[in-house]
């Protein structure tokens, strides 16, 4: 039984179960998507390899953990991020020593791809002229009057805002907002904030009228883009690694900024941008969209369907048990309620060390979130049954199991089915977050659209998810006509 469970669920997201499958990862911002797609298309030149994409994997902690657990094989990282966030050695600048320390962890990197995508602070040019701002130090003139917006990751990184604040003695006070990086440009364009953090290769820098403030105290480290992979991958796929190393020193800041702008400003898809860069024919966009939607639909159905089945088969017995003992009832109901208080993304991240990334941790999280409606409705449906009916059943000599099966469950079925319907609809919505840990589904285009600030891409995931919820609502209405006894139907 244990081996069967592993074959069914333990292998989800593990490339090693797919033979010669190579899994390319990316973080959830434009540049990482583009470079990930270029890497994937280069690997697809080898007909002996099946290339799997796990894009939009959230921050450094998630994607590095995926690489360490061999959930992915390769992704593009930055040297500054490696020294600051992975090795925890912010002063490390020697490339040979960096490589040695990574090899001690079973990892390796390529030579730089040719561009340095460092952090920078930017303000609107009119704001810069008004307050005579040229350097980051000049921001101290503003005190706590400046309105500031930084990305969530920048706010928590060791080389981000906390250290920057100390290094420059910045006094922004409480006027610092955290938001997704893709939204900071909209905020500064709409005059909602004055200062934002940018990447030096951001595509939007081409058109937004921004002043990049000079890092006059040399705070930000070098962020050379490199291919990061495991020593096992290099050993097992030496030709593929050599092929990918042809990307070394092939980019510069201007080229990368242009590629990012193709996505951020011109609305081109990542596969189309990668194909153009690699001088290949552009893919059929319409056909690609239909294929994407169909693939994401199957992924979303898997996530919701499997987790719902487990929520039903565990939740209903828990609800029944809660009616048999006041102590167990309190424990079960409190436990189910506490699960709902854990933020969805936090639960997904918490499960990564236990189950890795991909489908399995997403299924576990959705199963846990789906328990409360099923447990509570089962409990409520059964405790509201007229005690006289239960006493009559006992008088007839029915056993406890017979009373549950023949009397209590049928009478409680309207409540139970309502709980299952609620659980299903919650699952459809919550499953969109699973894309952040590589589980796919409708959340993948939503996460991509957020990275691009592109509503049309968001709609590719949001509209089908909404339609699936509507279909689920009517489907359970039909099921209720079969499951619920005629005398109890509304």
Protein backbone atom coordinates (compact mmCIF):
# COMPACT_ATOMS: atom_id res chain seq x y z
CA UNK A 1 0.00 0.00 0.00
CA UNK A 2 2.85 2.39 0.85
CA UNK A 3 4.51 1.84 -2.52
CA UNK A 4 1.19 2.36 -4.29
CA UNK A 5 0.68 5.68 -2.50
CA UNK A 6 4.20 6.78 -3.46
CA UNK A 7 3.68 5.82 -7.10
CA UNK A 8 0.43 7.75 -7.20
CA UNK A 9 1.46 10.86 -5.30
CA UNK A 10 5.08 10.79 -4.20
CA UNK A 11 6.39 11.06 -7.72
CA UNK A 12 4.51 14.22 -8.56
CA UNK A 13 6.96 16.92 -9.41
CA UNK A 14 9.99 14.60 -9.36
CA UNK A 15 11.69 14.65 -12.77
CA UNK A 16 13.64 11.53 -11.98
CA UNK A 17 10.47 9.45 -12.51
CA UNK A 18 10.17 10.59 -16.11
CA UNK A 19 13.40 9.08 -17.51
CA UNK A 20 15.28 11.67 -19.57
CA UNK A 21 13.11 14.56 -18.42
CA UNK A 22 14.85 17.86 -17.70
CA UNK A 23 12.90 20.39 -15.65
CA UNK A 24 13.62 24.09 -16.11
CA UNK A 25 12.52 26.47 -13.37
CA UNK A 26 12.03 30.21 -13.14
CA UNK A 27 11.08 32.80 -10.56
CA UNK A 28 7.94 34.88 -10.96
CA UNK A 29 9.22 37.98 -12.74
CA UNK A 30 9.53 38.77 -16.44
CA UNK A 31 13.27 38.33 -16.91
CA UNK A 32 13.30 34.96 -15.17
CA UNK A 33 10.42 33.72 -17.34
CA UNK A 34 12.20 34.82 -20.54
CA UNK A 35 15.57 33.30 -19.65
CA UNK A 36 13.86 30.14 -18.44
CA UNK A 37 12.08 29.82 -21.77
CA UNK A 38 15.33 30.38 -23.70
CA UNK A 39 16.98 27.62 -21.64
CA UNK A 40 14.01 25.30 -22.21
CA UNK A 41 13.95 25.86 -25.98
CA UNK A 42 17.70 25.27 -26.23
CA UNK A 43 17.30 21.97 -24.39
CA UNK A 44 14.46 20.97 -26.70
CA UNK A 45 16.99 20.87 -29.55
CA UNK A 46 18.01 17.49 -28.13
CA UNK A 47 15.31 14.98 -29.20
CA UNK A 48 16.38 12.56 -26.47
CA UNK A 49 15.26 15.02 -23.77
CA UNK A 50 11.74 15.80 -22.62
CA UNK A 51 11.73 19.35 -21.28
CA UNK A 52 9.35 20.25 -18.48
CA UNK A 53 8.75 23.84 -17.41
CA UNK A 54 8.07 24.86 -13.82
CA UNK A 55 7.93 28.62 -14.10
CA UNK A 56 6.83 31.28 -11.64
CA UNK A 57 8.10 29.50 -8.52
CA UNK A 58 8.01 32.50 -6.24
CA UNK A 59 11.10 33.75 -4.43
CA UNK A 60 14.66 32.50 -4.04
CA UNK A 61 13.90 30.28 -1.06
CA UNK A 62 11.28 28.28 -2.95
CA UNK A 63 13.18 27.82 -6.21
CA UNK A 64 16.51 26.99 -4.55
CA UNK A 65 14.80 24.41 -2.34
CA UNK A 66 13.28 22.93 -5.51
CA UNK A 67 16.75 22.70 -7.09
CA UNK A 68 18.25 21.21 -3.94
CA UNK A 69 15.56 18.52 -3.84
CA UNK A 70 15.97 17.92 -7.61
CA UNK A 71 12.38 19.00 -8.24
CA UNK A 72 13.92 21.16 -10.98
CA UNK A 73 17.25 20.73 -12.75
CA UNK A 74 18.29 24.23 -13.72
CA UNK A 75 17.30 27.89 -13.49
CA UNK A 76 18.84 31.33 -13.91
CA UNK A 77 20.10 32.88 -10.68
CA UNK A 78 22.13 35.98 -9.83
CA UNK A 79 25.51 36.02 -8.08
CA UNK A 80 24.42 38.65 -5.58
CA UNK A 81 21.43 36.55 -4.60
CA UNK A 82 23.62 33.45 -4.25
CA UNK A 83 26.08 35.14 -1.90
CA UNK A 84 23.46 37.04 0.11
CA UNK A 85 20.54 34.62 0.34
CA UNK A 86 21.85 31.12 -0.38
CA UNK A 87 25.39 31.09 1.01
CA UNK A 88 24.68 33.84 3.57
CA UNK A 89 28.09 35.39 2.85
CA UNK A 90 27.37 38.92 1.60
CA UNK A 91 31.04 39.88 1.36
CA UNK A 92 31.97 36.99 -0.93
CA UNK A 93 33.19 38.35 -4.27
CA UNK A 94 35.84 35.85 -5.40
CA UNK A 95 34.26 33.81 -8.22
CA UNK A 96 36.47 30.75 -7.70
CA UNK A 97 35.66 30.65 -3.98
CA UNK A 98 31.96 31.10 -4.78
CA UNK A 99 32.11 28.12 -7.14
CA UNK A 100 33.92 26.04 -4.51
CA UNK A 101 31.33 26.78 -1.83
CA UNK A 102 28.51 25.87 -4.21
CA UNK A 103 30.23 22.61 -5.13
CA UNK A 104 30.37 21.77 -1.43
CA UNK A 105 26.55 22.00 -1.55
CA UNK A 106 26.37 19.83 -4.67
CA UNK A 107 25.69 22.84 -6.92
CA UNK A 108 27.48 24.66 -9.70
CA UNK A 109 27.02 27.72 -11.88
CA UNK A 110 28.01 28.77 -15.36
CA UNK A 111 30.10 31.79 -16.24
CA UNK A 112 27.99 34.99 -16.30
CA UNK A 113 25.49 35.37 -19.13
CA UNK A 114 26.89 38.84 -19.67
CA UNK A 115 24.68 41.30 -17.81
CA UNK A 116 24.44 42.63 -14.28
CA UNK A 117 20.84 43.00 -13.10
CA UNK A 118 21.41 44.86 -9.88
CA UNK A 119 18.88 46.63 -7.73
CA UNK A 120 18.47 50.38 -7.97
CA UNK A 121 16.16 53.02 -6.52
CA UNK A 122 14.17 55.19 -8.90
CA UNK A 123 12.00 58.30 -8.69
CA UNK A 124 9.96 60.21 -11.27
CA UNK A 125 12.09 62.75 -13.13
CA UNK A 126 9.83 65.64 -12.19
CA UNK A 127 10.07 64.59 -8.53
CA UNK A 128 13.86 64.32 -8.89
CA UNK A 129 14.11 67.82 -10.34
CA UNK A 130 11.78 69.27 -7.72
CA UNK A 131 13.83 67.89 -4.81
CA UNK A 132 17.27 67.84 -6.50
CA UNK A 133 17.72 64.07 -6.19
CA UNK A 134 20.67 62.40 -7.91
CA UNK A 135 21.90 59.82 -5.40
CA UNK A 136 20.36 57.50 -2.83
CA UNK A 137 21.94 59.67 -0.12
CA UNK A 138 19.88 62.60 -1.40
CA UNK A 139 16.72 60.83 -0.24
CA UNK A 140 17.64 61.81 3.32
CA UNK A 141 16.59 65.36 2.37
CA UNK A 142 12.99 64.12 2.30
CA UNK A 143 12.97 62.52 5.74
CA UNK A 144 9.70 60.70 6.29
CA UNK A 145 7.83 62.74 3.67
CA UNK A 146 8.65 60.41 0.76
CA UNK A 147 6.09 57.76 -0.19
CA UNK A 148 7.96 54.53 -0.84
CA UNK A 149 6.96 51.18 -2.39
CA UNK A 150 9.20 48.12 -2.43
CA UNK A 151 8.56 44.52 -3.47
CA UNK A 152 7.86 41.89 -0.81
CA UNK A 153 11.17 40.13 -1.46
CA UNK A 154 13.20 43.36 -1.33
CA UNK A 155 11.63 44.19 2.03
CA UNK A 156 12.89 40.93 3.56
CA UNK A 157 16.20 40.24 1.78
CA UNK A 158 19.47 40.64 3.65
CA UNK A 159 20.63 42.84 0.75
CA UNK A 160 17.28 44.62 0.61
CA UNK A 161 15.58 47.47 2.41
CA UNK A 162 16.53 46.70 6.05
CA UNK A 163 20.27 46.75 5.25
CA UNK A 164 19.90 49.60 2.74
CA UNK A 165 18.16 51.68 5.41
CA UNK A 166 21.04 51.17 7.85
CA UNK A 167 23.73 51.69 5.20
CA UNK A 168 22.35 55.06 4.09
CA UNK A 169 20.63 56.11 7.32
CA UNK A 170 17.30 56.43 5.51
CA UNK A 171 14.38 57.79 7.54
CA UNK A 172 11.31 56.87 5.52
CA UNK A 173 9.40 56.02 8.68
CA UNK A 174 6.08 54.25 8.18
CA UNK A 175 5.61 55.49 4.61
CA UNK A 176 7.03 52.28 3.11
CA UNK A 177 4.52 50.00 1.38
CA UNK A 178 5.07 46.39 0.34
CA UNK A 179 3.58 45.24 -2.96
CA UNK A 180 4.25 42.93 -5.88
CA UNK A 181 7.13 44.21 -8.00
CA UNK A 182 4.95 44.31 -11.12
CA UNK A 183 2.68 46.89 -9.45
CA UNK A 184 5.28 49.42 -8.29
CA UNK A 185 5.54 50.98 -11.76
CA UNK A 186 1.79 51.55 -11.89
CA UNK A 187 1.93 53.08 -8.44
CA UNK A 188 4.69 55.56 -9.32
CA UNK A 189 3.13 56.37 -12.71
CA UNK A 190 -0.17 57.19 -10.98
CA UNK A 191 1.66 59.41 -8.47
CA UNK A 192 0.71 57.12 -5.59
CA UNK A 193 4.34 56.69 -4.48
CA UNK A 194 7.56 58.64 -4.97
CA UNK A 195 10.35 56.06 -4.60
CA UNK A 196 10.47 52.48 -5.89
CA UNK A 197 13.06 49.75 -6.25
CA UNK A 198 13.80 48.57 -9.80
CA UNK A 199 16.03 46.10 -11.57
CA UNK A 200 18.62 47.69 -13.83
CA UNK A 201 17.36 45.59 -16.77
CA UNK A 202 13.64 46.26 -16.26
CA UNK A 203 11.91 46.58 -19.62
CA UNK A 204 9.63 49.32 -18.32
CA UNK A 205 12.63 51.61 -17.81
CA UNK A 206 12.52 52.19 -21.58
CA UNK A 207 9.25 54.10 -21.43
CA UNK A 208 8.64 55.23 -17.83
CA UNK A 209 10.06 58.69 -17.18
CA UNK A 210 12.20 57.67 -14.20
CA UNK A 211 15.44 58.87 -12.70
CA UNK A 212 17.74 56.08 -11.46
CA UNK A 213 19.46 57.26 -8.27
CA UNK A 214 23.19 56.61 -8.09
CA UNK A 215 24.30 54.07 -5.48
CA UNK A 216 26.88 56.55 -4.16
CA UNK A 217 27.85 54.41 -1.16
CA UNK A 218 28.17 51.18 -3.20
CA UNK A 219 25.58 49.22 -1.25
CA UNK A 220 24.18 46.89 -3.89
CA UNK A 221 26.35 43.89 -4.81
CA UNK A 222 26.90 42.66 -8.35
CA UNK A 223 24.03 40.56 -9.70
CA UNK A 224 25.56 38.75 -12.66
CA UNK A 225 23.04 36.36 -14.22
CA UNK A 226 24.28 32.74 -14.26
CA UNK A 227 22.87 29.30 -14.95
CA UNK A 228 22.56 27.41 -11.68
CA UNK A 229 22.25 23.64 -11.54
CA UNK A 230 23.36 20.60 -9.57
CA UNK A 231 26.57 18.65 -10.06
CA UNK A 232 24.38 15.60 -10.69
CA UNK A 233 22.78 17.31 -13.68
CA UNK A 234 26.18 18.21 -15.16
CA UNK A 235 27.36 14.63 -14.63
CA UNK A 236 24.22 13.03 -16.12
CA UNK A 237 23.71 15.51 -18.98
CA UNK A 238 27.17 16.79 -20.00
CA UNK A 239 26.14 17.57 -23.59
CA UNK A 240 23.07 19.50 -22.47
CA UNK A 241 25.19 21.49 -20.02
CA UNK A 242 27.72 22.34 -22.73
CA UNK A 243 24.86 23.41 -25.00
CA UNK A 244 23.48 25.72 -22.33
CA UNK A 245 26.90 27.23 -21.67
CA UNK A 246 26.80 28.71 -25.17
CA UNK A 247 24.58 31.36 -23.52
CA UNK A 248 27.57 32.64 -21.53
CA UNK A 249 28.49 36.26 -22.32
CA UNK A 250 25.74 36.48 -24.96
CA UNK A 251 23.66 39.17 -23.21
CA UNK A 252 24.24 42.70 -22.03
CA UNK A 253 22.05 45.09 -20.02
CA UNK A 254 20.64 46.78 -23.11
CA UNK A 255 19.66 43.49 -24.80
CA UNK A 256 18.06 42.13 -21.63
CA UNK A 257 16.16 45.36 -21.09
CA UNK A 258 14.87 45.09 -24.67
CA UNK A 259 13.75 41.47 -24.20
CA UNK A 260 11.97 42.41 -20.99
CA UNK A 261 10.27 45.32 -22.75
CA UNK A 262 8.97 42.96 -25.45
CA UNK A 263 6.95 41.24 -22.72
CA UNK A 264 6.18 44.12 -20.37
CA UNK A 265 5.35 46.77 -22.96
CA UNK A 266 4.61 45.00 -26.25
CA UNK A 267 2.67 42.08 -24.82
CA UNK A 268 4.66 39.33 -26.54
CA UNK A 269 4.59 35.86 -25.01
CA UNK A 270 7.68 34.37 -23.42
CA UNK A 271 7.89 31.53 -26.00
CA UNK A 272 7.69 34.07 -28.83
CA UNK A 273 10.42 36.25 -27.30
CA UNK A 274 12.68 33.25 -26.76
CA UNK A 275 12.06 31.96 -30.29
CA UNK A 276 12.91 35.34 -31.78
CA UNK A 277 16.10 35.58 -29.73
CA UNK A 278 17.12 32.07 -30.82
CA UNK A 279 16.17 32.98 -34.41
CA UNK A 280 13.39 30.44 -34.72
CA UNK A 281 9.92 30.75 -36.14
CA UNK A 282 7.41 32.36 -33.80
CA UNK A 283 4.82 29.92 -32.39
CA UNK A 284 1.13 30.13 -33.32
CA UNK A 285 -0.17 32.32 -30.49
CA UNK A 286 -3.86 31.34 -30.80
CA UNK A 287 -3.11 27.63 -30.91
CA UNK A 288 -0.68 28.06 -28.03
CA UNK A 289 -3.35 29.76 -25.89
CA UNK A 290 -5.85 26.93 -26.45
CA UNK A 291 -3.20 24.35 -25.60
CA UNK A 292 -2.26 26.28 -22.47
CA UNK A 293 -5.86 26.56 -21.29
CA UNK A 294 -6.51 22.85 -21.90
CA UNK A 295 -3.29 21.85 -20.10
CA UNK A 296 -4.06 24.16 -17.17
CA UNK A 297 -7.64 22.84 -17.01
CA UNK A 298 -6.41 19.27 -16.62
CA UNK A 299 -3.92 20.36 -13.96
CA UNK A 300 -6.58 22.32 -12.07
CA UNK A 301 -9.09 19.47 -12.22
CA UNK A 302 -6.45 17.12 -10.82
CA UNK A 303 -5.67 19.46 -7.94
CA UNK A 304 -9.30 20.13 -7.04
CA UNK A 305 -10.68 16.65 -7.74
CA UNK A 306 -8.10 14.58 -5.87
CA UNK A 307 -7.96 16.91 -2.85
CA UNK A 308 -11.77 17.02 -2.68
CA UNK A 309 -12.03 13.23 -2.66
CA UNK A 310 -9.64 13.05 0.29
CA UNK A 311 -11.48 15.90 2.07
CA UNK A 312 -14.74 13.95 1.71
CA UNK A 313 -13.39 10.58 2.82
CA UNK A 314 -11.60 12.09 5.82
CA UNK A 315 -13.97 14.96 6.63
CA UNK A 316 -17.21 12.98 6.86
CA UNK A 317 -15.82 10.40 9.36
CA UNK A 318 -14.34 13.28 11.37
CA UNK A 319 -17.73 14.98 11.44
CA UNK A 320 -19.41 11.75 12.56
CA UNK A 321 -16.81 11.23 15.29
CA UNK A 322 -17.37 14.80 16.47
CA UNK A 323 -21.02 13.92 17.22
CA UNK A 324 -20.08 10.87 19.31
CA UNK A 325 -17.94 12.62 21.92
CA UNK A 326 -18.04 16.18 23.23
CA UNK A 327 -14.29 16.13 23.84
CA UNK A 328 -13.44 14.77 20.41
CA UNK A 329 -16.03 17.07 18.90
CA UNK A 330 -14.30 20.14 20.31
CA UNK A 331 -10.84 18.90 19.28
CA UNK A 332 -11.94 18.09 15.72
CA UNK A 333 -13.88 21.33 15.16
CA UNK A 334 -11.11 23.50 16.62
CA UNK A 335 -8.45 21.69 14.57
CA UNK A 336 -10.46 22.09 11.36
CA UNK A 337 -11.05 25.76 12.10
CA UNK A 338 -7.39 26.45 12.88
CA UNK A 339 -6.37 25.05 9.49
CA UNK A 340 -8.48 27.75 7.83
CA UNK A 341 -6.65 30.51 9.70
CA UNK A 342 -3.28 29.62 8.14
CA UNK A 343 -2.69 31.83 5.07
CA UNK A 344 -2.77 29.72 1.91
CA UNK A 345 0.66 30.72 0.65
CA UNK A 346 2.22 30.24 4.09
CA UNK A 347 0.84 26.69 4.26
CA UNK A 348 2.18 25.90 0.79
CA UNK A 349 5.64 27.18 1.70
CA UNK A 350 5.55 25.28 5.01
CA UNK A 351 4.86 22.03 3.13
CA UNK A 352 7.82 22.43 0.73
CA UNK A 353 10.45 20.99 3.14
CA UNK A 354 8.17 18.00 3.73
CA UNK A 355 6.92 17.27 0.21
CA UNK A 356 9.03 19.37 -2.16
CA UNK A 357 7.33 21.47 -4.82
CA UNK A 358 4.73 20.58 -7.40
CA UNK A 359 1.49 18.67 -7.18
CA UNK A 360 1.90 16.75 -3.92
CA UNK A 361 2.25 19.69 -1.48
CA UNK A 362 -0.55 21.49 -3.33
CA UNK A 363 -2.82 18.46 -2.90
CA UNK A 364 -2.02 18.24 0.80
CA UNK A 365 -2.74 21.96 1.31
CA UNK A 366 -6.01 21.83 -0.63
CA UNK A 367 -7.07 18.71 1.26
CA UNK A 368 -6.47 20.45 4.60
CA UNK A 369 -8.33 23.59 3.48
CA UNK A 370 -11.23 21.49 2.23
CA UNK A 371 -11.80 19.74 5.56
CA UNK A 372 -13.59 22.48 7.51
CA UNK A 373 -16.78 22.79 5.39
CA UNK A 374 -17.16 19.01 5.19
CA UNK A 375 -16.50 18.40 8.89
CA UNK A 376 -18.69 21.24 10.16
CA UNK A 377 -21.62 20.50 7.85
CA UNK A 378 -21.51 16.79 8.63
CA UNK A 379 -21.49 17.57 12.35
CA UNK A 380 -24.28 20.15 12.08
CA UNK A 381 -26.43 17.92 9.90
CA UNK A 382 -26.23 15.02 12.33
CA UNK A 383 -26.72 16.90 15.60
CA UNK A 384 -29.90 18.51 14.24
CA UNK A 385 -31.61 15.18 13.63
CA UNK A 386 -34.71 14.77 15.80
CA UNK A 387 -33.64 12.66 18.83
CA UNK A 388 -36.96 10.82 18.65
CA UNK A 389 -35.98 9.37 15.28
CA UNK A 390 -32.71 8.11 16.72
CA UNK A 391 -34.53 6.63 19.71
CA UNK A 392 -36.92 4.83 17.36
CA UNK A 393 -33.94 3.39 15.48
CA UNK A 394 -32.48 2.10 18.73
CA UNK A 395 -35.84 0.54 19.63
CA UNK A 396 -35.75 -1.36 16.35
CA UNK A 397 -32.44 -2.87 17.43
CA UNK A 398 -30.28 -1.11 14.84
CA UNK A 399 -26.57 -1.04 15.59
CA UNK A 400 -24.66 2.22 15.77
CA UNK A 401 -23.24 1.68 12.27
CA UNK A 402 -26.70 0.82 10.89
CA UNK A 403 -28.17 3.99 12.42
CA UNK A 404 -25.41 6.07 10.84
CA UNK A 405 -25.75 4.44 7.42
CA UNK A 406 -29.53 4.10 7.22
CA UNK A 407 -30.82 7.02 9.30
CA UNK A 408 -28.30 9.72 10.17
CA UNK A 409 -26.31 10.10 6.94
CA UNK A 410 -29.42 10.21 4.70
CA UNK A 411 -31.07 12.79 6.98
CA UNK A 412 -27.87 14.85 7.17
CA UNK A 413 -27.16 14.55 3.43
CA UNK A 414 -28.41 18.07 2.49
CA UNK A 415 -25.97 19.61 4.97
CA UNK A 416 -23.13 17.29 4.01
CA UNK A 417 -23.54 17.97 0.30
CA UNK A 418 -23.63 21.72 0.95
CA UNK A 419 -20.32 21.36 2.78
CA UNK A 420 -18.80 19.35 -0.06
CA UNK A 421 -19.97 21.98 -2.57
CA UNK A 422 -18.39 24.74 -0.47
CA UNK A 423 -15.18 22.74 -0.16
CA UNK A 424 -15.03 22.25 -3.94
CA UNK A 425 -15.50 25.95 -4.69
CA UNK A 426 -12.94 26.95 -2.05
CA UNK A 427 -10.54 24.46 -3.64
CA UNK A 428 -11.04 25.90 -7.12
CA UNK A 429 -10.09 29.35 -5.86
CA UNK A 430 -7.27 28.33 -3.54
CA UNK A 431 -5.71 26.04 -6.15
CA UNK A 432 -4.69 29.09 -8.18
CA UNK A 433 -1.99 29.80 -5.56
CA UNK A 434 -0.48 26.37 -6.15
CA UNK A 435 1.21 27.72 -9.27
CA UNK A 436 3.70 29.51 -7.01
CA UNK A 437 5.17 26.13 -6.04
CA UNK A 438 5.10 24.62 -9.51
CA UNK A 439 1.77 22.77 -9.38
CA UNK A 440 0.39 24.49 -12.49
CA UNK A 441 -3.34 24.92 -12.91
CA UNK A 442 -5.13 28.16 -13.67
CA UNK A 443 -2.85 29.98 -11.26
CA UNK A 444 0.08 29.74 -13.70
CA UNK A 445 -1.25 32.34 -16.18
CA UNK A 446 -2.53 34.44 -13.28
CA UNK A 447 0.94 34.58 -11.70
CA UNK A 448 2.48 35.30 -15.10
CA UNK A 449 -0.05 38.06 -15.74
CA UNK A 450 0.71 39.64 -12.39
CA UNK A 451 4.42 39.60 -13.22
CA UNK A 452 3.66 41.36 -16.51
CA UNK A 453 0.83 43.50 -15.12
CA UNK A 454 -1.10 42.11 -18.12
CA UNK A 455 -4.84 41.66 -17.63
CA UNK A 456 -5.27 39.55 -20.77
CA UNK A 457 -2.85 36.94 -19.41
CA UNK A 458 -4.54 37.03 -16.00
CA UNK A 459 -7.91 36.43 -17.69
CA UNK A 460 -6.56 33.22 -19.27
CA UNK A 461 -6.50 31.76 -15.76
CA UNK A 462 -9.15 33.80 -13.93
CA UNK A 463 -12.05 33.32 -16.35
CA UNK A 464 -11.74 29.51 -16.66
CA UNK A 465 -11.41 29.27 -12.86
CA UNK A 466 -14.62 31.25 -12.43
CA UNK A 467 -16.37 29.09 -15.04
CA UNK A 468 -15.17 25.94 -13.28
CA UNK A 469 -16.69 27.23 -10.03
CA UNK A 470 -20.02 27.87 -11.80
CA UNK A 471 -19.96 24.39 -13.35
CA UNK A 472 -19.19 22.89 -9.93
CA UNK A 473 -22.17 24.73 -8.43
CA UNK A 474 -24.61 23.31 -10.98
CA UNK A 475 -22.97 19.88 -10.92
CA UNK A 476 -23.57 19.57 -7.19
CA UNK A 477 -27.12 20.75 -7.72
CA UNK A 478 -27.59 17.80 -10.07
CA UNK A 479 -25.87 15.40 -7.65
CA UNK A 480 -28.18 16.55 -4.85
CA UNK A 481 -31.15 15.28 -6.85
CA UNK A 482 -29.59 11.81 -6.77
CA UNK A 483 -28.03 11.68 -3.30
CA UNK A 484 -30.58 13.49 -1.12
CA UNK A 485 -33.76 11.54 -0.27
CA UNK A 486 -36.84 12.89 -2.08
CA UNK A 487 -38.56 14.00 1.11
CA UNK A 488 -35.61 16.24 2.05
CA UNK A 489 -35.08 17.97 -1.29
CA UNK A 490 -35.83 21.68 -1.48
